[in-house]
Amino acid sequence: MEFSVESLETPALTKAHLAELLFEHIGLNKRESKDMIDAFFDLISDRLVEGNDVKISSFGNFQIRTKAPRPGRNPRTGEAIPIEARRVVTFHASHKLKDQIQGNGLAG
């Protein structure tokens, strides 16, 4: 099953657009489509908040990385400001996705 997003008004693919695609191509009603998309992203978010990696086959990996505290500087005043330790999300595309982006995997 092939999904087309050429008809999107904006270049960004939003949760609302994903729900609309589920409605149009799979036949779920609009409420079910929205609930499914919300549940999908809630599941990913919850796993990341718990500190777990999220791996989506043929797409990529979302990982939590802890950044150590470090010295920073206010660019306007030059004043030294400490940057606290924090957790950040990183995304690493799969080889398949990278190939598709480069135009090497268009056949699917």
Protein backbone atom coordinates (compact mmCIF):
# COMPACT_ATOMS: atom_id res chain seq x y z
CA MET A 1 0.00 0.00 0.00
CA GLU A 2 1.49 3.31 -1.10
CA PHE A 3 0.70 6.59 0.68
CA SER A 4 0.99 9.86 -1.18
CA VAL A 5 1.59 13.13 0.62
CA GLU A 6 1.85 15.37 -2.45
CA SER A 7 -1.52 16.94 -1.71
CA LEU A 8 -0.35 18.38 1.60
CA GLU A 9 -0.71 22.15 1.85
CA THR A 10 2.51 22.57 3.82
CA PRO A 11 5.79 20.72 3.38
CA ALA A 12 5.69 19.49 7.01
CA LEU A 13 4.04 16.15 7.73
CA THR A 14 1.97 16.70 10.88
CA LYS A 15 0.07 14.37 13.18
CA ALA A 16 -3.14 15.74 11.68
CA HIS A 17 -1.90 14.87 8.18
CA LEU A 18 -0.98 11.36 9.31
CA ALA A 19 -4.45 10.88 10.80
CA GLU A 20 -6.00 12.12 7.54
CA LEU A 21 -3.93 9.61 5.57
CA LEU A 22 -5.13 6.77 7.83
CA PHE A 23 -8.70 7.94 7.30
CA GLU A 24 -8.32 8.12 3.50
CA HIS A 25 -6.25 5.00 2.83
CA ILE A 26 -7.16 2.53 5.55
CA GLY A 27 -10.77 3.43 6.21
CA LEU A 28 -10.58 4.19 9.91
CA ASN A 29 -12.94 6.94 10.96
CA LYS A 30 -11.38 10.30 11.76
CA ARG A 31 -11.57 9.84 15.53
CA GLU A 32 -9.96 6.38 15.36
CA SER A 33 -7.25 7.73 13.05
CA LYS A 34 -6.43 10.59 15.43
CA ASP A 35 -6.45 8.26 18.44
CA MET A 36 -4.12 5.78 16.70
CA ILE A 37 -1.61 8.49 15.78
CA ASP A 38 -1.75 9.98 19.29
CA ALA A 39 -1.26 6.53 20.87
CA PHE A 40 1.72 5.83 18.60
CA PHE A 41 3.52 9.04 19.51
CA ASP A 42 2.55 8.73 23.19
CA LEU A 43 4.14 5.28 23.26
CA ILE A 44 7.37 6.58 21.71
CA SER A 45 7.44 9.57 24.08
CA ASP A 46 6.77 7.42 27.15
CA ARG A 47 9.59 5.02 26.27
CA LEU A 48 12.04 7.88 25.75
CA VAL A 49 11.03 9.56 29.03
CA GLU A 50 11.68 6.22 30.78
CA GLY A 51 15.18 6.26 29.30
CA ASN A 52 14.59 3.48 26.76
CA ASP A 53 15.73 3.58 23.13
CA VAL A 54 13.10 3.35 20.39
CA LYS A 55 14.05 1.39 17.28
CA ILE A 56 11.81 1.49 14.22
CA SER A 57 12.91 -1.05 11.62
CA SER A 58 13.91 0.45 8.24
CA PHE A 59 13.46 3.96 9.66
CA GLY A 60 15.88 4.65 12.50
CA ASN A 61 16.64 4.80 16.21
CA PHE A 62 15.68 7.39 18.82
CA GLN A 63 18.06 7.39 21.77
CA ILE A 64 18.32 9.29 25.04
CA ARG A 65 21.74 10.77 25.68
CA THR A 66 22.84 12.42 28.91
CA LYS A 67 24.96 15.51 28.32
CA ALA A 68 27.39 16.48 31.03
CA PRO A 69 27.40 19.95 32.57
CA ARG A 70 29.73 22.36 30.82
CA PRO A 71 30.74 25.99 30.86
CA GLY A 72 28.86 28.26 28.47
CA ARG A 73 28.99 31.90 27.54
CA ASN A 74 26.33 34.54 26.95
CA PRO A 75 27.06 35.61 23.35
CA ARG A 76 25.80 39.15 23.95
CA THR A 77 27.71 39.97 27.13
CA GLY A 78 30.49 37.39 27.09
CA GLU A 79 29.57 36.44 30.66
CA ALA A 80 30.38 32.84 31.64
CA ILE A 81 27.23 30.84 32.40
CA PRO A 82 27.21 27.20 33.53
CA ILE A 83 25.07 24.86 31.39
CA GLU A 84 23.52 22.14 33.54
CA ALA A 85 23.53 18.43 32.77
CA ARG A 86 20.53 17.40 30.70
CA ARG A 87 19.04 14.57 28.70
CA VAL A 88 18.52 14.98 24.97
CA VAL A 89 16.93 12.84 22.27
CA THR A 90 19.03 11.91 19.27
CA PHE A 91 17.84 10.29 16.04
CA HIS A 92 19.97 8.10 13.81
CA ALA A 93 18.47 7.16 10.45
CA SER A 94 18.68 3.54 9.32
CA HIS A 95 20.83 2.62 6.34
CA LYS A 96 17.65 1.92 4.36
CA LEU A 97 16.26 5.39 5.08
CA LYS A 98 19.62 7.00 4.25
CA ASP A 99 19.67 5.14 0.92
CA GLN A 100 16.11 6.26 0.14
CA ILE A 101 17.00 9.88 0.90
CA GLN A 102 19.99 9.63 -1.45
CA GLY A 103 17.73 8.20 -4.17
CA ASN A 104 19.26 4.72 -4.07
CA GLY A 105 16.26 2.87 -2.66
CA LEU A 106 13.30 4.29 -4.56
CA ALA A 107 12.18 0.87 -5.78
CA GLY A 108 11.17 0.06 -2.23
